[in-house]
Structure formats: structure tokens, C-alpha cells
Amino acid sequence: MVDVMPHMSKTNAPWRIGPQPVLLAAAVLAVVVIGIGCIAVWRGYTGTAPEQERVTIARVNQARVAQASEQLVEKTKGIEETQQQSIDQLQVVQDQLVVMTKLLALQQAETRKLNEQVGNLTGSLDNIRQSFASAQAAPEAAAPSSVRERPRRRARAAVTRGKPKAVVQRGRSKSRG
């Protein structure tokens, strides 16, 4: 038998099971069953489960990431090719610049040589002119002008003797005109 102690009252006893707790448990159970049923009907009606949606979304995201990665790789390869072409073109330009620099240096050296030669020839020509002028000035002072004209006529006649008449006549007409 159960001994009841004096400090325990009938209203405070937790071990006591009455008709109300059974009704409360049945109501909670009914709400849970109805909730599970509603969720099952909703999933069946929409045709998709959240887990399937998550998996589908994850696969779509993976496909997008893979596509973006492929595009990035293609663009990177394109940039690398363009960069390599630019480097090759720059190398060609640098090679051309080196060749042009060498050619310019050779041309400048050749120009210097030619300038020196022209200077030397100009100096020589000036010396010849001066010596010719001094040689001409000496006989002019010693000989009269009529004596000087006779040798010129003889020189002209000697030059025209070996030429045909047409050439001689042209030469005379030019010298007279």
C-alpha cells in the first residue's frame, strides 16, 4: 500500500494521473499528426521537396561557376596570346631600331667622309683657280691683246677640223649668238 504523508495534499501530487492530461496529450498528438499531414500534402501538391530544390540550386550554381571558370580561362588565354603577340611585335621593332641605328651611324660616317672629300676637293679647286688666275695674269701683262687672240683662233680651228660640218656649224652659231 501507499502511505500518504501529511504534507502531501491531493491537489499537488505530480504522480496522480487524471482525465485531463490524457485529453491534453491526445490534442497535442492530433495537432502534430495534422501538421505532418499538411506538410506532406503541400510537398505532394507542389511536386518538389526542399532537399531536391537545394540540390538543384547547388548543381545550377556549380554549372554557373564552371562556366564562369571556363570563360575566365579562355579570356586569360586570349590575354596571354595578345600579350605574347605584343611582345613579339615589340621585339621586332627593337630589332629594327637596332638595325636602323647601325645604318644611321654608317650613313653619318659616310657623310663625314664625303664632307671631308668635298672640302679637300674644294680646297684643291681653289688652289687650281688661284694658280690658273696667277698664270693667266702673268702672260696678259707681258703680251698685247691682238697676239693673244690668234692662238685662240688656231685652237678653235684645230678642234673643229676633226668634227663633221654640221657640228662645226652648230658650234659657230652658238658662239656667235
N, C-alpha and C. Protein backbone atom coordinates (compact mmCIF):
# COMPACT_ATOMS: atom_id res chain seq x y z
N MET A 1 0.77 -1.14 0.00
CA MET A 1 0.00 0.00 0.00
C MET A 1 0.84 1.24 0.00
N VAL A 2 0.16 2.31 -0.27
CA VAL A 2 0.88 3.55 -0.40
C VAL A 2 0.61 4.36 0.85
N ASP A 3 1.62 4.76 1.43
CA ASP A 3 1.47 5.61 2.61
C ASP A 3 1.40 7.05 2.14
N VAL A 4 0.48 7.74 2.61
CA VAL A 4 0.32 9.13 2.27
C VAL A 4 0.89 9.92 3.41
N MET A 5 1.64 10.79 3.10
CA MET A 5 2.25 11.61 4.12
C MET A 5 1.40 12.85 4.32
N PRO A 6 1.47 13.39 5.51
CA PRO A 6 0.59 14.51 5.82
C PRO A 6 0.91 15.78 5.03
N HIS A 7 2.13 16.02 4.66
CA HIS A 7 2.47 17.28 3.97
C HIS A 7 2.07 17.24 2.50
N MET A 8 1.74 16.08 1.95
CA MET A 8 1.31 15.98 0.58
C MET A 8 -0.20 16.11 0.52
N SER A 9 -0.59 16.97 -0.36
CA SER A 9 -2.03 17.12 -0.50
C SER A 9 -2.47 16.46 -1.78
N LYS A 10 -3.72 16.32 -1.98
CA LYS A 10 -4.24 15.64 -3.15
C LYS A 10 -4.09 16.51 -4.40
N THR A 11 -4.08 17.77 -4.27
CA THR A 11 -4.03 18.65 -5.44
C THR A 11 -2.62 18.84 -5.96
N ASN A 12 -1.59 18.65 -5.17
CA ASN A 12 -0.20 18.90 -5.57
C ASN A 12 0.52 17.65 -6.06
N ALA A 13 -0.04 16.57 -6.08
CA ALA A 13 0.69 15.36 -6.37
C ALA A 13 0.94 15.19 -7.86
N PRO A 14 2.21 15.16 -8.28
CA PRO A 14 2.52 15.01 -9.69
C PRO A 14 2.31 13.58 -10.16
N TRP A 15 2.32 12.61 -9.31
CA TRP A 15 2.16 11.21 -9.73
C TRP A 15 0.73 10.86 -9.99
N ARG A 16 -0.11 11.76 -9.75
CA ARG A 16 -1.52 11.49 -9.91
C ARG A 16 -1.91 11.73 -11.35
N ILE A 17 -2.49 10.79 -12.01
CA ILE A 17 -2.92 10.92 -13.38
C ILE A 17 -4.43 10.99 -13.37
N GLY A 18 -4.90 12.09 -14.02
CA GLY A 18 -6.34 12.26 -14.09
C GLY A 18 -6.80 12.29 -15.52
N PRO A 19 -8.10 12.51 -15.79
CA PRO A 19 -8.62 12.50 -17.15
C PRO A 19 -8.13 13.71 -17.98
N GLN A 20 -7.75 14.81 -17.43
CA GLN A 20 -7.33 15.98 -18.19
C GLN A 20 -5.98 15.79 -18.88
N PRO A 21 -4.98 15.23 -18.28
CA PRO A 21 -3.72 15.07 -19.01
C PRO A 21 -3.83 14.15 -20.22
N VAL A 22 -4.68 13.22 -20.23
CA VAL A 22 -4.86 12.32 -21.36
C VAL A 22 -5.47 13.11 -22.52
N LEU A 23 -6.44 13.94 -22.22
CA LEU A 23 -7.04 14.77 -23.26
C LEU A 23 -6.01 15.74 -23.84
N LEU A 24 -5.18 16.30 -23.00
CA LEU A 24 -4.15 17.24 -23.45
C LEU A 24 -3.14 16.52 -24.35
N ALA A 25 -2.73 15.34 -23.99
CA ALA A 25 -1.78 14.57 -24.78
C ALA A 25 -2.40 14.18 -26.13
N ALA A 26 -3.67 13.84 -26.13
CA ALA A 26 -4.36 13.46 -27.36
C ALA A 26 -4.47 14.67 -28.29
N ALA A 27 -4.73 15.84 -27.75
CA ALA A 27 -4.85 17.05 -28.56
C ALA A 27 -3.49 17.41 -29.18
N VAL A 28 -2.43 17.32 -28.40
CA VAL A 28 -1.09 17.61 -28.92
C VAL A 28 -0.74 16.62 -30.02
N LEU A 29 -1.06 15.36 -29.82
CA LEU A 29 -0.78 14.34 -30.82
C LEU A 29 -1.58 14.61 -32.09
N ALA A 30 -2.82 15.01 -31.97
CA ALA A 30 -3.64 15.31 -33.14
C ALA A 30 -3.08 16.50 -33.91
N VAL A 31 -2.62 17.55 -33.22
CA VAL A 31 -2.04 18.72 -33.88
C VAL A 31 -0.78 18.33 -34.63
N VAL A 32 0.08 17.52 -34.03
CA VAL A 32 1.32 17.08 -34.67
C VAL A 32 1.00 16.27 -35.92
N VAL A 33 0.03 15.34 -35.83
CA VAL A 33 -0.33 14.50 -36.97
C VAL A 33 -0.91 15.36 -38.09
N ILE A 34 -1.77 16.31 -37.74
CA ILE A 34 -2.36 17.18 -38.75
C ILE A 34 -1.27 18.04 -39.40
N GLY A 35 -0.33 18.55 -38.63
CA GLY A 35 0.78 19.33 -39.19
C GLY A 35 1.62 18.52 -40.15
N ILE A 36 1.97 17.29 -39.76
CA ILE A 36 2.77 16.43 -40.65
C ILE A 36 1.98 16.12 -41.91
N GLY A 37 0.67 15.90 -41.77
CA GLY A 37 -0.18 15.62 -42.93
C GLY A 37 -0.23 16.82 -43.86
N CYS A 38 -0.35 18.01 -43.31
CA CYS A 38 -0.38 19.23 -44.13
C CYS A 38 0.93 19.41 -44.89
N ILE A 39 2.03 19.18 -44.24
CA ILE A 39 3.34 19.30 -44.89
C ILE A 39 3.46 18.28 -46.01
N ALA A 40 3.02 17.05 -45.77
CA ALA A 40 3.09 16.01 -46.79
C ALA A 40 2.21 16.37 -47.99
N VAL A 41 1.00 16.87 -47.71
CA VAL A 41 0.11 17.27 -48.80
C VAL A 41 0.72 18.44 -49.58
N TRP A 42 1.28 19.40 -48.89
CA TRP A 42 1.89 20.58 -49.57
C TRP A 42 3.05 20.15 -50.48
N ARG A 43 3.91 19.27 -49.98
CA ARG A 43 5.03 18.79 -50.79
C ARG A 43 4.53 17.98 -51.98
N GLY A 44 3.53 17.19 -51.76
CA GLY A 44 2.97 16.40 -52.86
C GLY A 44 2.30 17.29 -53.90
N TYR A 45 1.65 18.33 -53.45
CA TYR A 45 0.95 19.23 -54.35
C TYR A 45 1.93 20.05 -55.20
N THR A 46 3.00 20.57 -54.59
CA THR A 46 3.98 21.37 -55.33
C THR A 46 4.91 20.49 -56.15
N GLY A 47 5.08 19.28 -55.82
CA GLY A 47 5.89 18.36 -56.59
C GLY A 47 7.38 18.45 -56.30
N THR A 48 7.80 19.33 -55.44
CA THR A 48 9.22 19.44 -55.12
C THR A 48 9.39 19.43 -53.62
N ALA A 49 10.49 18.86 -53.27
CA ALA A 49 10.85 18.84 -51.86
C ALA A 49 11.96 19.86 -51.66
N PRO A 50 12.07 20.48 -50.51
CA PRO A 50 13.14 21.46 -50.28
C PRO A 50 14.53 20.88 -50.50
N GLU A 51 14.70 19.60 -50.16
CA GLU A 51 16.00 18.99 -50.35
C GLU A 51 16.34 18.91 -51.85
N GLN A 52 15.35 18.55 -52.66
CA GLN A 52 15.57 18.47 -54.09
C GLN A 52 15.87 19.87 -54.66
N GLU A 53 15.15 20.87 -54.17
CA GLU A 53 15.39 22.24 -54.62
C GLU A 53 16.81 22.67 -54.27
N ARG A 54 17.24 22.34 -53.08
CA ARG A 54 18.60 22.70 -52.66
C ARG A 54 19.64 22.02 -53.53
N VAL A 55 19.41 20.74 -53.84
CA VAL A 55 20.34 20.01 -54.68
C VAL A 55 20.36 20.61 -56.09
N THR A 56 19.17 20.92 -56.60
CA THR A 56 19.08 21.51 -57.94
C THR A 56 19.76 22.88 -57.98
N ILE A 57 19.51 23.68 -57.00
CA ILE A 57 20.13 25.01 -56.93
C ILE A 57 21.65 24.88 -56.82
N ALA A 58 22.11 23.93 -56.02
CA ALA A 58 23.56 23.71 -55.88
C ALA A 58 24.18 23.29 -57.22
N ARG A 59 23.49 22.41 -57.96
CA ARG A 59 24.00 21.96 -59.25
C ARG A 59 24.02 23.12 -60.27
N VAL A 60 22.97 23.92 -60.25
CA VAL A 60 22.93 25.07 -61.16
C VAL A 60 24.06 26.04 -60.82
N ASN A 61 24.27 26.27 -59.53
CA ASN A 61 25.37 27.16 -59.12
C ASN A 61 26.73 26.59 -59.53
N GLN A 62 26.88 25.27 -59.38
CA GLN A 62 28.14 24.64 -59.79
C GLN A 62 28.34 24.79 -61.30
N ALA A 63 27.26 24.62 -62.06
CA ALA A 63 27.36 24.76 -63.52
C ALA A 63 27.73 26.21 -63.87
N ARG A 64 27.14 27.17 -63.21
CA ARG A 64 27.46 28.58 -63.47
C ARG A 64 28.91 28.88 -63.11
N VAL A 65 29.35 28.35 -61.99
CA VAL A 65 30.73 28.56 -61.58
C VAL A 65 31.69 27.92 -62.58
N ALA A 66 31.36 26.71 -63.03
CA ALA A 66 32.20 26.04 -64.01
C ALA A 66 32.24 26.82 -65.33
N GLN A 67 31.08 27.32 -65.75
CA GLN A 67 31.02 28.10 -66.99
C GLN A 67 31.82 29.40 -66.83
N ALA A 68 31.67 30.06 -65.70
CA ALA A 68 32.42 31.29 -65.45
C ALA A 68 33.92 30.99 -65.41
N SER A 69 34.30 29.86 -64.83
CA SER A 69 35.71 29.48 -64.78
C SER A 69 36.26 29.23 -66.18
N GLU A 70 35.47 28.53 -67.01
CA GLU A 70 35.89 28.28 -68.38
C GLU A 70 36.06 29.58 -69.16
N GLN A 71 35.09 30.50 -68.99
CA GLN A 71 35.19 31.79 -69.66
C GLN A 71 36.41 32.55 -69.18
N LEU A 72 36.67 32.49 -67.89
CA LEU A 72 37.83 33.17 -67.34
C LEU A 72 39.12 32.57 -67.90
N VAL A 73 39.17 31.26 -68.02
CA VAL A 73 40.36 30.59 -68.58
C VAL A 73 40.53 31.00 -70.04
N GLU A 74 39.42 31.04 -70.80
CA GLU A 74 39.51 31.42 -72.21
C GLU A 74 39.99 32.87 -72.34
N LYS A 75 39.44 33.74 -71.53
CA LYS A 75 39.86 35.15 -71.58
C LYS A 75 41.31 35.29 -71.17
N THR A 76 41.73 34.53 -70.20
CA THR A 76 43.13 34.58 -69.76
C THR A 76 44.05 34.10 -70.89
N LYS A 77 43.65 33.03 -71.57
CA LYS A 77 44.45 32.55 -72.70
C LYS A 77 44.50 33.59 -73.80
N GLY A 78 43.36 34.24 -74.07
CA GLY A 78 43.32 35.30 -75.07
C GLY A 78 44.24 36.44 -74.71
N ILE A 79 44.24 36.82 -73.45
CA ILE A 79 45.11 37.90 -72.99
C ILE A 79 46.56 37.47 -73.11
N GLU A 80 46.85 36.23 -72.76
CA GLU A 80 48.23 35.74 -72.87
C GLU A 80 48.69 35.76 -74.33
N GLU A 81 47.81 35.34 -75.25
CA GLU A 81 48.18 35.34 -76.67
C GLU A 81 48.42 36.77 -77.15
N THR A 82 47.53 37.67 -76.76
CA THR A 82 47.67 39.07 -77.16
C THR A 82 48.96 39.65 -76.59
N GLN A 83 49.24 39.33 -75.35
CA GLN A 83 50.46 39.82 -74.71
C GLN A 83 51.69 39.26 -75.42
N GLN A 84 51.65 37.98 -75.79
CA GLN A 84 52.79 37.38 -76.48
C GLN A 84 52.98 38.02 -77.86
N GLN A 85 51.87 38.29 -78.56
CA GLN A 85 51.96 38.96 -79.85
C GLN A 85 52.55 40.35 -79.69
N SER A 86 52.14 41.05 -78.65
CA SER A 86 52.68 42.38 -78.39
C SER A 86 54.17 42.31 -78.10
N ILE A 87 54.57 41.32 -77.34
CA ILE A 87 55.99 41.15 -77.01
C ILE A 87 56.77 40.85 -78.29
N ASP A 88 56.22 39.98 -79.14
CA ASP A 88 56.90 39.64 -80.40
C ASP A 88 57.03 40.88 -81.29
N GLN A 89 55.95 41.65 -81.39
CA GLN A 89 55.99 42.86 -82.21
C GLN A 89 56.99 43.86 -81.63
N LEU A 90 57.03 43.98 -80.34
CA LEU A 90 57.97 44.89 -79.70
C LEU A 90 59.41 44.44 -79.96
N GLN A 91 59.64 43.14 -79.93
CA GLN A 91 60.98 42.62 -80.22
C GLN A 91 61.38 42.93 -81.65
N VAL A 92 60.43 42.77 -82.58
CA VAL A 92 60.72 43.09 -83.99
C VAL A 92 61.05 44.57 -84.13
N VAL A 93 60.27 45.41 -83.47
CA VAL A 93 60.52 46.85 -83.54
C VAL A 93 61.88 47.19 -82.94
N GLN A 94 62.23 46.55 -81.83
CA GLN A 94 63.53 46.79 -81.22
C GLN A 94 64.66 46.35 -82.15
N ASP A 95 64.48 45.19 -82.80
CA ASP A 95 65.49 44.73 -83.75
C ASP A 95 65.63 45.71 -84.91
N GLN A 96 64.49 46.18 -85.41
CA GLN A 96 64.52 47.16 -86.50
C GLN A 96 65.20 48.45 -86.04
N LEU A 97 64.94 48.84 -84.81
CA LEU A 97 65.56 50.05 -84.27
C LEU A 97 67.07 49.90 -84.19
N VAL A 98 67.53 48.74 -83.77
CA VAL A 98 68.97 48.49 -83.69
C VAL A 98 69.58 48.55 -85.09
N VAL A 99 68.92 47.92 -86.06
CA VAL A 99 69.43 47.93 -87.44
C VAL A 99 69.44 49.36 -87.97
N MET A 100 68.35 50.10 -87.73
CA MET A 100 68.29 51.48 -88.22
C MET A 100 69.35 52.35 -87.55
N THR A 101 69.61 52.11 -86.27
CA THR A 101 70.65 52.87 -85.57
C THR A 101 72.01 52.59 -86.19
N LYS A 102 72.29 51.33 -86.49
CA LYS A 102 73.57 50.98 -87.12
C LYS A 102 73.67 51.61 -88.51
N LEU A 103 72.58 51.53 -89.27
CA LEU A 103 72.59 52.12 -90.60
C LEU A 103 72.78 53.64 -90.53
N LEU A 104 72.15 54.26 -89.57
CA LEU A 104 72.28 55.71 -89.39
C LEU A 104 73.72 56.06 -89.04
N ALA A 105 74.33 55.28 -88.16
CA ALA A 105 75.72 55.54 -87.79
C ALA A 105 76.63 55.37 -89.01
N LEU A 106 76.40 54.34 -89.81
CA LEU A 106 77.20 54.13 -91.02
C LEU A 106 76.99 55.28 -92.00
N GLN A 107 75.75 55.71 -92.14
CA GLN A 107 75.45 56.80 -93.06
C GLN A 107 76.11 58.10 -92.59
N GLN A 108 76.07 58.35 -91.29
CA GLN A 108 76.72 59.55 -90.77
C GLN A 108 78.23 59.50 -90.99
N ALA A 109 78.82 58.33 -90.80
CA ALA A 109 80.26 58.19 -91.04
C ALA A 109 80.57 58.42 -92.52
N GLU A 110 79.74 57.87 -93.39
CA GLU A 110 79.93 58.06 -94.83
C GLU A 110 79.76 59.54 -95.19
N THR A 111 78.77 60.20 -94.58
CA THR A 111 78.55 61.63 -94.84
C THR A 111 79.76 62.44 -94.39
N ARG A 112 80.32 62.09 -93.25
CA ARG A 112 81.53 62.80 -92.77
C ARG A 112 82.68 62.63 -93.76
N LYS A 113 82.86 61.38 -94.25
CA LYS A 113 83.93 61.13 -95.22
C LYS A 113 83.71 61.96 -96.48
N LEU A 114 82.46 61.96 -96.96
CA LEU A 114 82.16 62.71 -98.17
C LEU A 114 82.35 64.21 -97.95
N ASN A 115 81.96 64.70 -96.77
CA ASN A 115 82.16 66.12 -96.46
C ASN A 115 83.65 66.46 -96.46
N GLU A 116 84.45 65.57 -95.90
CA GLU A 116 85.91 65.79 -95.89
C GLU A 116 86.44 65.79 -97.33
N GLN A 117 85.98 64.84 -98.14
CA GLN A 117 86.43 64.77 -99.52
C GLN A 117 86.00 66.01 -100.29
N VAL A 118 84.75 66.47 -100.07
CA VAL A 118 84.28 67.68 -100.74
C VAL A 118 85.12 68.86 -100.29
N GLY A 119 85.43 68.94 -99.01
CA GLY A 119 86.30 70.02 -98.51
C GLY A 119 87.67 69.98 -99.16
N ASN A 120 88.22 68.78 -99.25
CA ASN A 120 89.53 68.63 -99.89
C ASN A 120 89.47 69.02 -101.36
N LEU A 121 88.40 68.57 -102.05
CA LEU A 121 88.25 68.92 -103.46
C LEU A 121 88.04 70.43 -103.64
N THR A 122 87.27 71.02 -102.74
CA THR A 122 87.05 72.47 -102.82
C THR A 122 88.37 73.21 -102.62
N GLY A 123 89.15 72.76 -101.66
CA GLY A 123 90.46 73.37 -101.43
C GLY A 123 91.36 73.21 -102.65
N SER A 124 91.36 72.02 -103.22
CA SER A 124 92.18 71.77 -104.40
C SER A 124 91.71 72.63 -105.57
N LEU A 125 90.39 72.73 -105.73
CA LEU A 125 89.83 73.54 -106.81
C LEU A 125 90.18 75.01 -106.62
N ASP A 126 90.12 75.49 -105.40
CA ASP A 126 90.52 76.87 -105.13
C ASP A 126 91.99 77.09 -105.46
N ASN A 127 92.84 76.12 -105.08
CA ASN A 127 94.27 76.22 -105.40
C ASN A 127 94.49 76.24 -106.91
N ILE A 128 93.75 75.39 -107.64
CA ILE A 128 93.89 75.35 -109.10
C ILE A 128 93.43 76.68 -109.69
N ARG A 129 92.32 77.22 -109.20
CA ARG A 129 91.82 78.50 -109.70
C ARG A 129 92.83 79.62 -109.44
N GLN A 130 93.39 79.60 -108.26
CA GLN A 130 94.37 80.64 -107.93
C GLN A 130 95.62 80.52 -108.81
N SER A 131 96.07 79.28 -108.99
CA SER A 131 97.26 79.11 -109.83
C SER A 131 96.94 79.44 -111.28
N PHE A 132 95.74 79.11 -111.76
CA PHE A 132 95.33 79.43 -113.12
C PHE A 132 95.20 80.94 -113.27
N ALA A 133 94.60 81.60 -112.26
CA ALA A 133 94.45 83.06 -112.32
C ALA A 133 95.82 83.73 -112.32
N SER A 134 96.73 83.25 -111.52
CA SER A 134 98.06 83.85 -111.48
C SER A 134 98.82 83.55 -112.78
N ALA A 135 98.60 82.38 -113.37
CA ALA A 135 99.26 82.04 -114.63
C ALA A 135 98.68 82.88 -115.75
N GLN A 136 97.39 83.17 -115.74
CA GLN A 136 96.77 83.99 -116.76
C GLN A 136 97.16 85.45 -116.59
N ALA A 137 97.27 85.89 -115.39
CA ALA A 137 97.61 87.29 -115.13
C ALA A 137 99.03 87.60 -115.59
N ALA A 138 99.96 86.70 -115.49
CA ALA A 138 101.35 86.93 -115.89
C ALA A 138 101.46 87.11 -117.40
N PRO A 139 100.91 86.28 -118.31
CA PRO A 139 101.05 86.49 -119.75
C PRO A 139 100.25 87.70 -120.22
N GLU A 140 99.13 88.04 -119.59
CA GLU A 140 98.34 89.18 -120.02
C GLU A 140 99.14 90.46 -119.86
N ALA A 141 99.88 90.55 -118.83
CA ALA A 141 100.68 91.75 -118.60
C ALA A 141 101.82 91.84 -119.63
N ALA A 142 102.36 90.73 -120.07
CA ALA A 142 103.51 90.72 -120.98
C ALA A 142 103.09 90.83 -122.43
N ALA A 143 101.94 90.26 -122.86
CA ALA A 143 101.57 90.23 -124.28
C ALA A 143 100.39 91.15 -124.56
N PRO A 144 100.37 91.78 -125.79
CA PRO A 144 99.21 92.60 -126.17
C PRO A 144 98.01 91.72 -126.47
N SER A 145 96.82 92.31 -126.52
CA SER A 145 95.59 91.56 -126.69
C SER A 145 95.45 90.96 -128.08
N SER A 146 95.96 91.58 -129.15
CA SER A 146 95.84 91.04 -130.51
C SER A 146 96.65 89.78 -130.68
N VAL A 147 97.74 89.67 -130.01
CA VAL A 147 98.58 88.49 -130.10
C VAL A 147 97.88 87.33 -129.40
N ARG A 148 97.19 87.66 -128.38
CA ARG A 148 96.53 86.61 -127.62
C ARG A 148 95.36 85.99 -128.39
N GLU A 149 94.68 86.71 -129.23
CA GLU A 149 93.53 86.20 -129.94
C GLU A 149 93.92 85.20 -131.00
N ARG A 150 95.07 85.33 -131.61
CA ARG A 150 95.49 84.42 -132.66
C ARG A 150 95.62 82.98 -132.14
N PRO A 151 96.23 82.75 -131.00
CA PRO A 151 96.30 81.36 -130.56
C PRO A 151 94.91 80.78 -130.29
N ARG A 152 93.98 81.58 -129.86
CA ARG A 152 92.63 81.06 -129.60
C ARG A 152 91.98 80.63 -130.90
N ARG A 153 92.16 81.41 -131.96
CA ARG A 153 91.58 81.06 -133.25
C ARG A 153 92.18 79.77 -133.76
N ARG A 154 93.47 79.61 -133.59
CA ARG A 154 94.14 78.39 -134.03
C ARG A 154 93.62 77.18 -133.23
N ALA A 155 93.38 77.40 -131.94
CA ALA A 155 92.88 76.30 -131.11
C ALA A 155 91.48 75.92 -131.54
N ARG A 156 90.68 76.88 -131.89
CA ARG A 156 89.32 76.58 -132.35
C ARG A 156 89.37 75.83 -133.68
N ALA A 157 90.19 76.26 -134.56
CA ALA A 157 90.30 75.61 -135.86
C ALA A 157 90.79 74.19 -135.70
N ALA A 158 91.68 73.95 -134.76
CA ALA A 158 92.20 72.60 -134.54
C ALA A 158 91.10 71.71 -133.97
N VAL A 159 90.25 72.27 -133.16
CA VAL A 159 89.19 71.48 -132.55
C VAL A 159 88.13 71.15 -133.59
N THR A 160 87.81 72.09 -134.48
CA THR A 160 86.74 71.88 -135.46
C THR A 160 87.17 71.04 -136.63
N ARG A 161 88.42 70.81 -136.88
CA ARG A 161 88.89 70.02 -138.02
C ARG A 161 88.44 68.58 -137.95
N GLY A 162 88.41 68.01 -136.77
CA GLY A 162 88.06 66.60 -136.63
C GLY A 162 86.55 66.36 -136.59
N LYS A 163 85.73 67.40 -136.57
CA LYS A 163 84.28 67.23 -136.45
C LYS A 163 83.60 67.37 -137.80
N PRO A 164 82.42 66.77 -137.98
CA PRO A 164 81.67 66.96 -139.23
C PRO A 164 81.20 68.41 -139.35
N LYS A 165 80.79 68.82 -140.58
CA LYS A 165 80.43 70.19 -140.83
C LYS A 165 79.23 70.64 -140.01
N ALA A 166 78.24 69.78 -139.85
CA ALA A 166 77.02 70.18 -139.11
C ALA A 166 77.37 70.52 -137.68
N VAL A 167 78.24 69.76 -137.07
CA VAL A 167 78.64 70.02 -135.69
C VAL A 167 79.41 71.32 -135.61
N VAL A 168 80.28 71.57 -136.61
CA VAL A 168 81.08 72.79 -136.61
C VAL A 168 80.18 73.99 -136.80
N GLN A 169 79.19 73.87 -137.69
CA GLN A 169 78.30 74.99 -137.93
C GLN A 169 77.47 75.28 -136.70
N ARG A 170 77.00 74.28 -136.04
CA ARG A 170 76.24 74.50 -134.80
C ARG A 170 77.10 75.20 -133.76
N GLY A 171 78.32 74.75 -133.66
CA GLY A 171 79.23 75.34 -132.69
C GLY A 171 79.49 76.80 -133.02
N ARG A 172 79.62 77.13 -134.29
CA ARG A 172 79.86 78.53 -134.69
C ARG A 172 78.64 79.38 -134.43
N SER A 173 77.45 78.81 -134.72
CA SER A 173 76.25 79.60 -134.49
C SER A 173 76.03 79.87 -133.02
N LYS A 174 76.39 78.95 -132.18
CA LYS A 174 76.26 79.14 -130.74
C LYS A 174 77.25 80.16 -130.25
N SER A 175 78.46 80.09 -130.73
CA SER A 175 79.48 81.02 -130.26
C SER A 175 79.21 82.42 -130.77
N ARG A 176 78.56 82.57 -131.90
CA ARG A 176 78.25 83.88 -132.46
C ARG A 176 77.04 84.48 -131.79
N GLY A 177 76.08 83.63 -131.44
CA GLY A 177 74.82 84.12 -130.89
C GLY A 177 74.95 84.59 -129.53
